[in-house]
Amino acid sequence: MSDRSAPPVGPPDPSLPPVGSRLNFNEPPSLDSHEVSPPPGQSEDHSGLPSNIPVPTHLKPTGTPGSKLLHIERSHASFDSKSMSLYLFGTTYLEHLNRILSIVQHEEAFDKKRLNYQGRDARFRHALRKEKRLVQIAKDHKWTAEDMSMAEMLIDMPGPFSLHKSMFLKTLQEQGDEEQQKLFTHPAENYQIIGCYAQTELGHGSNVQGLETTATYDKTTQEFIIHSPSLTASKWWIGGLGRAADHAVVMAQLYSNGKKYGPHPFVVPIRDLKTREPLPGRVIGDVGPKLGYQTTDNGMMLFDQVRIPHNHLLARFSRIDPHSGQYIKPDNAKLAYGTMTYIRAGIVQQARMVIARSAIVAIRYCAIRRQFADKDAPVLDGKKPAENPVLDYQMVQYRIFPILAQAFACHYTGLEMFRLYNESQKK
């Protein structure tokens, strides 16, 4: 099956509805999912949270309140926490962080309290509303890509556009030529097209040389034929592909004049911009529930002899002569993998925040959770000797403190990786 009917992507068509209605934020496609009902005797308020839990109001906690215990524990620190923040991030970054925080912290669309009481479909709808609101805020405040990235980190809710904003846009910006910047990048920056980055396959991922998807150049029609020759050539785990994306940067093995030239990035339309249905020759599916990232629609995709125009091969560094099919190679072949290098550096920096947040939650709890008292334990509030915080037990420290150390390691490793990435881009 070939697809000659899908037109190449061009500048925005003013006759088309705005991107919000194309993606149908308020009524995304339905999945078979079930909401989590509250326990018997409880109801839900308008937010989906359980309400009217009959908690006795006259009961008080025994012992010293946890907030006071945490304050006591913090007073024992050998350094000032604000000074540590300045040392790690610098004044400029922290001021920037607080400015973005002041904008996003009271937005209802970013509230995550109800997520644990929602099914998968409702979570996806919630994430779409979050994405739409974030795009609106970014436009109102004229945010840069750095501003948007910081807001995403603060909101901490991965969404259907996460890969569009990071990998799809980054690839277009860095690997598209001047014509392709107008053709693809500008519409993508304005959310007139939504994209994903389709590299990982069922059979291979980081080993890009092992990718099986092919892109064969047909010089008689000046088109590339994108094809999945096997089941393991299925693009798999692709963020944003399950429902949201209508375009994909597809990493495929380039063939021209019978010769193989290795993996290259191609922009492939995958869904109709109005109906959101897959275009002919594309088999697209949602991979289903996951242990994490439930608000992101990871998907799979197979191609059956899909034809795309010659100018859909991102051609800043390498290209195919449209008439002869001759391959013009880049000065540095590794530049084609720049997006993955950038994302991997970003993953390390993102990991520092995930690790730090989880470690802090555990450490704070262990500081106020007490178990067993020593005879020499201090007396708090004139009462009996306080039980030991479980944080004082060496086994607990052995489990938790290395995790906290990993957050610092990822912080500095991520900074170094971005420094190396930026240096390589300058070359």
Protein backbone atom coordinates (compact mmCIF):
# COMPACT_ATOMS: atom_id res chain seq x y z
CA MET A 1 0.00 0.00 0.00
CA SER A 2 1.44 3.38 -0.96
CA ASP A 3 0.32 6.77 0.25
CA ARG A 4 0.48 9.45 -2.39
CA SER A 5 -2.59 11.27 -1.12
CA ALA A 6 -1.07 12.75 2.04
CA PRO A 7 0.03 16.30 1.15
CA PRO A 8 3.33 17.67 2.41
CA VAL A 9 3.12 19.94 5.41
CA GLY A 10 3.13 23.60 4.49
CA PRO A 11 2.61 26.94 6.20
CA PRO A 12 -0.46 27.23 8.45
CA ASP A 13 -3.78 27.23 6.61
CA PRO A 14 -5.97 30.06 7.96
CA SER A 15 -9.07 28.10 7.01
CA LEU A 16 -8.24 25.34 9.48
CA PRO A 17 -9.60 25.49 13.04
CA PRO A 18 -7.20 26.46 15.83
CA VAL A 19 -4.97 23.79 17.25
CA GLY A 20 -7.08 23.44 20.39
CA SER A 21 -10.11 22.35 18.40
CA ARG A 22 -8.06 20.10 16.16
CA LEU A 23 -6.75 18.25 19.16
CA ASN A 24 -10.16 18.50 20.82
CA PHE A 25 -8.76 19.22 24.27
CA ASN A 26 -12.16 19.07 25.93
CA GLU A 27 -13.21 15.76 24.35
CA PRO A 28 -10.15 13.64 23.50
CA PRO A 29 -10.66 10.15 22.06
CA SER A 30 -12.15 7.74 24.58
CA LEU A 31 -10.40 4.70 25.98
CA ASP A 32 -11.90 1.80 27.88
CA SER A 33 -11.02 2.84 31.41
CA HIS A 34 -12.77 3.04 34.74
CA GLU A 35 -12.63 5.71 37.39
CA VAL A 36 -11.52 4.73 40.88
CA SER A 37 -14.58 4.91 43.12
CA PRO A 38 -14.31 6.14 46.72
CA PRO A 39 -14.72 3.60 49.54
CA PRO A 40 -18.24 2.83 50.86
CA GLY A 41 -19.64 5.62 52.99
CA GLN A 42 -17.70 8.32 51.14
CA SER A 43 -18.63 10.52 48.22
CA GLU A 44 -16.67 12.63 45.75
CA ASP A 45 -16.68 16.38 45.47
CA HIS A 46 -16.50 18.22 42.12
CA SER A 47 -12.74 17.65 41.94
CA GLY A 48 -13.01 13.87 42.12
CA LEU A 49 -11.56 13.78 45.65
CA PRO A 50 -13.24 11.78 48.44
CA SER A 51 -15.16 14.02 50.82
CA ASN A 52 -17.17 13.76 54.09
CA ILE A 53 -14.71 11.32 55.71
CA PRO A 54 -15.96 11.12 59.33
CA VAL A 55 -12.73 12.05 61.16
CA PRO A 56 -13.31 12.92 64.87
CA THR A 57 -12.27 16.52 65.43
CA HIS A 58 -11.76 16.28 69.20
CA LEU A 59 -8.82 13.86 69.02
CA LYS A 60 -5.30 15.25 69.26
CA PRO A 61 -1.96 13.60 68.42
CA THR A 62 0.18 12.34 71.29
CA GLY A 63 3.70 13.59 71.68
CA THR A 64 5.41 16.47 69.92
CA PRO A 65 3.85 17.53 66.59
CA GLY A 66 5.72 16.45 63.51
CA SER A 67 6.19 20.03 62.32
CA LYS A 68 8.08 20.86 65.51
CA LEU A 69 10.17 17.69 65.27
CA LEU A 70 11.11 18.61 61.72
CA HIS A 71 12.08 22.11 62.84
CA ILE A 72 14.31 20.64 65.57
CA GLU A 73 15.94 18.29 63.08
CA ARG A 74 16.63 21.14 60.64
CA SER A 75 18.21 23.23 63.40
CA HIS A 76 20.95 20.60 63.72
CA ALA A 77 22.18 21.17 60.14
CA SER A 78 25.82 22.14 59.80
CA PHE A 79 25.09 24.49 56.87
CA ASP A 80 22.48 27.05 55.84
CA SER A 81 19.98 25.62 53.34
CA LYS A 82 19.56 28.90 51.45
CA SER A 83 23.32 29.21 51.05
CA MET A 84 23.41 25.66 49.72
CA SER A 85 20.72 26.52 47.15
CA LEU A 86 22.71 29.54 46.01
CA TYR A 87 25.83 27.41 45.71
CA LEU A 88 24.07 24.72 43.65
CA PHE A 89 21.98 26.91 41.35
CA GLY A 90 23.12 30.52 41.59
CA THR A 91 21.12 33.69 42.20
CA THR A 92 20.00 34.14 38.59
CA TYR A 93 18.53 30.64 38.33
CA LEU A 94 16.71 30.88 41.67
CA GLU A 95 15.22 34.28 40.83
CA HIS A 96 14.10 32.86 37.48
CA LEU A 97 12.63 29.83 39.27
CA ASN A 98 10.66 31.97 41.72
CA ARG A 99 9.33 34.15 38.91
CA ILE A 100 7.99 31.12 37.00
CA LEU A 101 6.67 29.59 40.24
CA SER A 102 4.67 32.72 41.04
CA ILE A 103 2.87 32.32 37.70
CA VAL A 104 2.07 28.60 37.76
CA GLN A 105 1.56 27.71 41.42
CA HIS A 106 -2.09 28.79 41.70
CA GLU A 107 -3.31 27.47 38.34
CA GLU A 108 -6.15 24.98 38.79
CA ALA A 109 -5.16 23.10 35.62
CA PHE A 110 -1.85 22.15 37.25
CA ASP A 111 -3.39 20.75 40.44
CA LYS A 112 -2.45 17.07 40.80
CA LYS A 113 -4.48 16.16 43.92
CA ARG A 114 -7.19 14.36 41.96
CA LEU A 115 -4.88 12.25 39.75
CA ASN A 116 -4.72 9.25 42.09
CA TYR A 117 -8.52 9.04 42.03
CA GLN A 118 -8.76 9.13 38.25
CA GLY A 119 -8.64 6.41 35.61
CA ARG A 120 -6.26 6.48 32.69
CA ASP A 121 -8.60 8.30 30.31
CA ALA A 122 -9.38 11.00 32.88
CA ARG A 123 -5.68 11.47 33.59
CA PHE A 124 -5.01 11.95 29.91
CA ARG A 125 -7.78 14.56 29.68
CA HIS A 126 -6.35 16.30 32.74
CA ALA A 127 -2.90 16.37 31.14
CA LEU A 128 -4.32 17.79 27.90
CA ARG A 129 -5.95 20.63 29.84
CA LYS A 130 -2.65 21.24 31.57
CA GLU A 131 -0.81 21.33 28.23
CA LYS A 132 -3.31 23.72 26.68
CA ARG A 133 -3.21 26.08 29.67
CA LEU A 134 0.59 26.01 29.75
CA VAL A 135 0.77 26.95 26.06
CA GLN A 136 -1.62 29.86 26.73
CA ILE A 137 0.45 31.08 29.68
CA ALA A 138 3.68 30.81 27.68
CA LYS A 139 2.15 32.91 24.91
CA ASP A 140 0.77 35.52 27.33
CA HIS A 141 4.10 35.92 29.12
CA LYS A 142 6.26 35.53 25.98
CA TRP A 143 8.17 32.67 27.54
CA THR A 144 11.36 31.24 26.10
CA ALA A 145 12.02 27.52 25.74
CA GLU A 146 13.98 27.74 29.01
CA ASP A 147 10.97 29.30 30.76
CA MET A 148 8.73 26.51 29.48
CA SER A 149 11.19 23.84 30.59
CA MET A 150 11.36 25.33 34.08
CA ALA A 151 7.56 25.48 34.31
CA GLU A 152 7.34 21.82 33.29
CA MET A 153 9.81 20.93 36.04
CA LEU A 154 7.81 22.84 38.65
CA ILE A 155 4.43 21.45 37.57
CA ASP A 156 5.87 17.91 37.47
CA MET A 157 3.12 16.40 35.31
CA PRO A 158 4.39 14.79 32.08
CA GLY A 159 1.93 15.37 29.28
CA PRO A 160 1.10 14.49 25.67
CA PHE A 161 3.19 17.44 24.40
CA SER A 162 6.33 16.71 26.43
CA LEU A 163 8.15 15.06 23.53
CA HIS A 164 6.84 17.66 21.09
CA LYS A 165 8.43 20.43 23.13
CA SER A 166 11.68 18.61 23.69
CA MET A 167 12.71 16.06 21.07
CA PHE A 168 10.48 16.89 18.09
CA LEU A 169 11.06 20.64 18.14
CA LYS A 170 14.73 20.28 19.04
CA THR A 171 15.33 17.99 16.06
CA LEU A 172 13.57 20.34 13.65
CA GLN A 173 15.43 23.37 14.95
CA GLU A 174 18.85 21.76 14.84
CA GLN A 175 18.65 19.49 11.80
CA GLY A 176 16.25 21.22 9.42
CA ASP A 177 17.56 23.48 6.65
CA GLU A 178 16.21 26.98 6.01
CA GLU A 179 13.29 25.75 3.91
CA GLN A 180 12.36 23.14 6.52
CA GLN A 181 12.39 25.72 9.30
CA LYS A 182 9.50 27.44 7.52
CA LEU A 183 7.84 24.19 6.50
CA PHE A 184 7.94 22.36 9.84
CA THR A 185 9.59 24.27 12.69
CA HIS A 186 7.47 27.42 12.66
CA PRO A 187 4.13 25.51 12.59
CA ALA A 188 5.44 23.23 15.36
CA GLU A 189 6.47 26.19 17.51
CA ASN A 190 2.94 27.57 17.17
CA TYR A 191 1.33 24.17 17.91
CA GLN A 192 -0.25 24.03 14.45
CA ILE A 193 1.30 20.60 14.19
CA ILE A 194 2.07 18.28 17.13
CA GLY A 195 5.00 15.93 16.85
CA CYS A 196 6.85 13.06 18.46
CA TYR A 197 10.32 11.54 18.03
CA ALA A 198 10.14 7.99 16.69
CA GLN A 199 13.51 6.32 17.10
CA THR A 200 13.03 3.40 19.51
CA GLU A 201 11.77 0.18 17.95
CA LEU A 202 10.58 -3.07 19.41
CA GLY A 203 13.92 -4.62 18.49
CA HIS A 204 16.38 -1.74 18.97
CA GLY A 205 16.61 1.63 20.68
CA SER A 206 19.92 3.17 21.70
CA ASN A 207 21.69 1.05 19.08
CA VAL A 208 20.58 3.24 16.19
CA GLN A 209 22.62 1.22 13.69
CA GLY A 210 20.32 -1.70 14.44
CA LEU A 211 17.11 0.16 13.55
CA GLU A 212 15.07 -1.72 10.95
CA THR A 213 12.68 0.91 9.58
CA THR A 214 13.76 1.82 6.04
CA ALA A 215 13.55 4.99 3.94
CA THR A 216 14.22 4.16 0.29
CA TYR A 217 14.57 7.03 -2.19
CA ASP A 218 12.59 6.80 -5.43
CA LYS A 219 14.18 9.32 -7.79
CA THR A 220 11.49 8.79 -10.44
CA THR A 221 8.91 10.40 -8.14
CA GLN A 222 11.37 12.24 -5.86
CA GLU A 223 9.87 10.57 -2.79
CA PHE A 224 11.10 8.50 0.13
CA ILE A 225 9.30 5.24 0.87
CA ILE A 226 9.05 4.64 4.63
CA HIS A 227 8.54 0.98 5.45
CA SER A 228 8.54 -1.41 8.42
CA PRO A 229 9.90 -4.73 7.08
CA SER A 230 9.33 -6.73 10.28
CA LEU A 231 7.46 -6.78 13.56
CA THR A 232 10.59 -5.74 15.46
CA ALA A 233 10.76 -2.66 13.22
CA SER A 234 7.67 -1.33 15.03
CA LYS A 235 8.31 2.08 16.51
CA TRP A 236 7.57 1.48 20.19
CA TRP A 237 7.26 3.41 23.47
CA ILE A 238 7.14 6.68 21.53
CA GLY A 239 5.90 9.47 23.81
CA GLY A 240 2.94 11.42 22.41
CA LEU A 241 2.34 8.91 19.61
CA GLY A 242 -0.56 7.04 21.23
CA ARG A 243 -3.09 9.83 20.69
CA ALA A 244 -1.72 13.35 20.42
CA ALA A 245 0.89 13.54 17.64
CA ASP A 246 0.03 14.19 14.01
CA HIS A 247 3.66 14.22 12.81
CA ALA A 248 6.74 12.24 13.73
CA VAL A 249 10.45 12.60 13.25
CA VAL A 250 11.18 9.03 12.19
CA MET A 251 14.71 7.66 12.40
CA ALA A 252 15.06 5.23 9.49
CA GLN A 253 17.81 3.53 7.51
CA LEU A 254 18.39 5.58 4.36
CA TYR A 255 18.75 3.76 1.04
CA SER A 256 19.44 5.42 -2.32
CA ASN A 257 20.60 3.90 -5.60
CA GLY A 258 20.79 0.53 -3.89
CA LYS A 259 23.22 1.70 -1.19
CA LYS A 260 22.62 1.99 2.55
CA TYR A 261 23.65 5.22 4.31
CA GLY A 262 22.57 4.52 7.90
CA PRO A 263 19.88 6.10 10.10
CA HIS A 264 18.59 9.56 9.19
CA PRO A 265 15.68 11.73 10.47
CA PHE A 266 12.54 12.08 8.33
CA VAL A 267 9.44 14.16 9.03
CA VAL A 268 6.42 11.91 8.44
CA PRO A 269 2.77 13.05 8.68
CA ILE A 270 0.93 10.33 10.63
CA ARG A 271 -2.57 11.65 11.41
CA ASP A 272 -5.12 13.79 9.62
CA LEU A 273 -5.00 17.30 11.10
CA LYS A 274 -8.79 17.60 11.24
CA THR A 275 -10.08 14.12 12.04
CA ARG A 276 -7.03 12.96 14.06
CA GLU A 277 -7.33 9.57 12.34
CA PRO A 278 -4.17 7.73 11.16
CA LEU A 279 -3.25 8.42 7.54
CA PRO A 280 -3.16 5.51 5.06
CA GLY A 281 -0.25 3.12 5.42
CA ARG A 282 0.26 3.84 9.11
CA VAL A 283 -0.73 1.44 11.86
CA ILE A 284 -0.77 3.42 15.12
CA GLY A 285 -1.68 2.23 18.59
CA ASP A 286 -1.49 3.17 22.25
CA VAL A 287 0.77 0.81 24.22
CA GLY A 288 -1.58 0.98 27.21
CA PRO A 289 -1.13 1.47 30.98
CA LYS A 290 2.37 1.86 32.42
CA LEU A 291 3.85 1.94 35.92
CA GLY A 292 4.63 5.63 35.50
CA TYR A 293 4.00 8.55 33.14
CA GLN A 294 0.29 7.67 33.02
CA THR A 295 -0.47 11.16 31.70
CA THR A 296 1.70 10.57 28.61
CA ASP A 297 0.35 8.58 25.67
CA ASN A 298 3.19 6.29 24.63
CA GLY A 299 2.43 4.55 21.35
CA MET A 300 3.55 2.19 18.60
CA MET A 301 3.61 2.56 14.82
CA LEU A 302 4.22 0.50 11.68
CA PHE A 303 4.60 1.77 8.11
CA ASP A 304 3.45 0.04 4.92
CA GLN A 305 5.22 1.63 1.93
CA VAL A 306 4.40 5.20 3.02
CA ARG A 307 5.59 7.83 0.55
CA ILE A 308 6.76 11.28 1.66
CA PRO A 309 8.21 14.16 -0.41
CA HIS A 310 11.95 14.60 -0.94
CA ASN A 311 12.09 17.64 1.35
CA HIS A 312 10.93 15.60 4.35
CA LEU A 313 14.48 14.32 4.97
CA LEU A 314 15.94 16.82 7.45
CA ALA A 315 18.78 18.20 5.38
CA ARG A 316 20.89 20.64 7.36
CA PHE A 317 23.81 18.21 7.58
CA SER A 318 23.19 15.62 4.85
CA ARG A 319 20.86 15.30 1.88
CA ILE A 320 19.95 13.38 -1.25
CA ASP A 321 20.19 15.02 -4.67
CA PRO A 322 16.57 14.97 -5.86
CA HIS A 323 17.41 14.09 -9.46
CA SER A 324 20.34 11.68 -9.27
CA GLY A 325 19.72 10.23 -5.81
CA GLN A 326 23.36 10.93 -4.92
CA TYR A 327 24.03 11.13 -1.18
CA ILE A 328 25.77 14.29 0.09
CA LYS A 329 27.29 13.30 3.41
CA PRO A 330 27.71 15.56 6.46
CA ASP A 331 31.05 16.83 7.72
CA ASN A 332 30.36 14.98 10.98
CA ALA A 333 27.94 12.04 10.86
CA LYS A 334 27.45 12.16 14.65
CA LEU A 335 25.57 15.44 14.33
CA ALA A 336 22.53 13.44 13.24
CA TYR A 337 22.34 12.05 16.79
CA GLY A 338 22.36 15.48 18.43
CA THR A 339 18.78 15.28 19.66
CA MET A 340 19.37 12.05 21.56
CA THR A 341 22.54 13.50 23.10
CA TYR A 342 20.58 16.56 24.24
CA ILE A 343 17.74 14.46 25.64
CA ARG A 344 20.08 12.14 27.51
CA ALA A 345 21.71 15.11 29.20
CA GLY A 346 18.22 16.34 30.04
CA ILE A 347 17.25 12.95 31.47
CA VAL A 348 20.19 13.12 33.87
CA GLN A 349 19.19 16.60 35.01
CA GLN A 350 15.57 15.54 35.34
CA ALA A 351 16.69 12.53 37.36
CA ARG A 352 18.33 14.82 39.93
CA MET A 353 14.94 16.41 40.66
CA VAL A 354 13.06 13.11 40.80
CA ILE A 355 15.67 11.56 43.09
CA ALA A 356 15.90 14.66 45.28
CA ARG A 357 12.14 14.92 45.71
CA SER A 358 11.73 11.27 46.65
CA ALA A 359 14.71 11.35 49.01
CA ILE A 360 13.42 14.49 50.73
CA VAL A 361 9.98 12.96 51.29
CA ALA A 362 11.56 9.85 52.82
CA ILE A 363 14.06 11.78 54.96
CA ARG A 364 11.44 14.16 56.33
CA TYR A 365 9.19 11.26 57.23
CA CYS A 366 12.03 9.36 58.90
CA ALA A 367 12.87 12.49 60.91
CA ILE A 368 9.39 12.65 62.49
CA ARG A 369 8.60 8.92 62.59
CA ARG A 370 9.84 7.67 65.98
CA GLN A 371 10.39 4.18 67.26
CA PHE A 372 11.77 3.05 70.66
CA ALA A 373 13.37 5.28 73.29
CA ASP A 374 16.85 5.17 74.78
CA LYS A 375 17.23 5.85 78.48
CA ASP A 376 19.37 8.89 77.63
CA ALA A 377 16.91 10.25 75.06
CA PRO A 378 16.00 13.96 75.44
CA VAL A 379 12.70 14.97 77.00
CA LEU A 380 10.49 17.14 74.79
CA ASP A 381 7.68 19.37 76.08
CA GLY A 382 8.16 18.17 79.67
CA LYS A 383 6.93 14.68 78.85
CA LYS A 384 8.55 11.26 78.86
CA PRO A 385 11.79 10.73 76.89
CA ALA A 386 11.17 10.99 73.19
CA GLU A 387 11.44 7.90 71.05
CA ASN A 388 14.27 7.82 68.55
CA PRO A 389 13.58 9.14 65.06
CA VAL A 390 14.05 6.23 62.68
CA LEU A 391 16.43 8.48 60.76
CA ASP A 392 18.95 7.89 63.57
CA TYR A 393 19.12 4.16 62.86
CA GLN A 394 22.15 3.27 60.76
CA MET A 395 20.24 0.82 58.58
CA VAL A 396 17.83 3.59 57.57
CA GLN A 397 20.72 5.95 56.86
CA TYR A 398 22.40 3.23 54.82
CA ARG A 399 19.27 2.96 52.67
CA ILE A 400 18.42 6.64 52.25
CA PHE A 401 21.58 8.75 52.30
CA PRO A 402 23.17 7.22 49.16
CA ILE A 403 19.98 8.12 47.27
CA LEU A 404 20.35 11.73 48.39
CA ALA A 405 23.99 11.64 47.26
CA GLN A 406 22.86 10.41 43.84
CA ALA A 407 20.80 13.58 43.41
CA PHE A 408 23.95 15.69 43.80
CA ALA A 409 25.88 13.38 41.47
CA CYS A 410 23.19 13.70 38.79
CA HIS A 411 23.13 17.48 39.25
CA TYR A 412 26.81 17.91 38.43
CA THR A 413 26.87 15.16 35.80
CA GLY A 414 23.94 16.80 34.00
CA LEU A 415 25.65 20.19 34.01
CA GLU A 416 28.79 18.65 32.53
CA MET A 417 26.82 16.76 29.88
CA PHE A 418 25.10 19.95 28.74
CA ARG A 419 28.45 21.75 28.66
CA LEU A 420 29.87 19.04 26.40
CA TYR A 421 26.74 19.07 24.24
CA ASN A 422 26.89 22.85 23.76
CA GLU A 423 30.58 22.64 22.86
CA SER A 424 29.89 19.96 20.25
CA GLN A 425 27.11 22.07 18.70
CA LYS A 426 29.47 25.03 18.32
CA LYS A 427 31.88 22.86 16.35
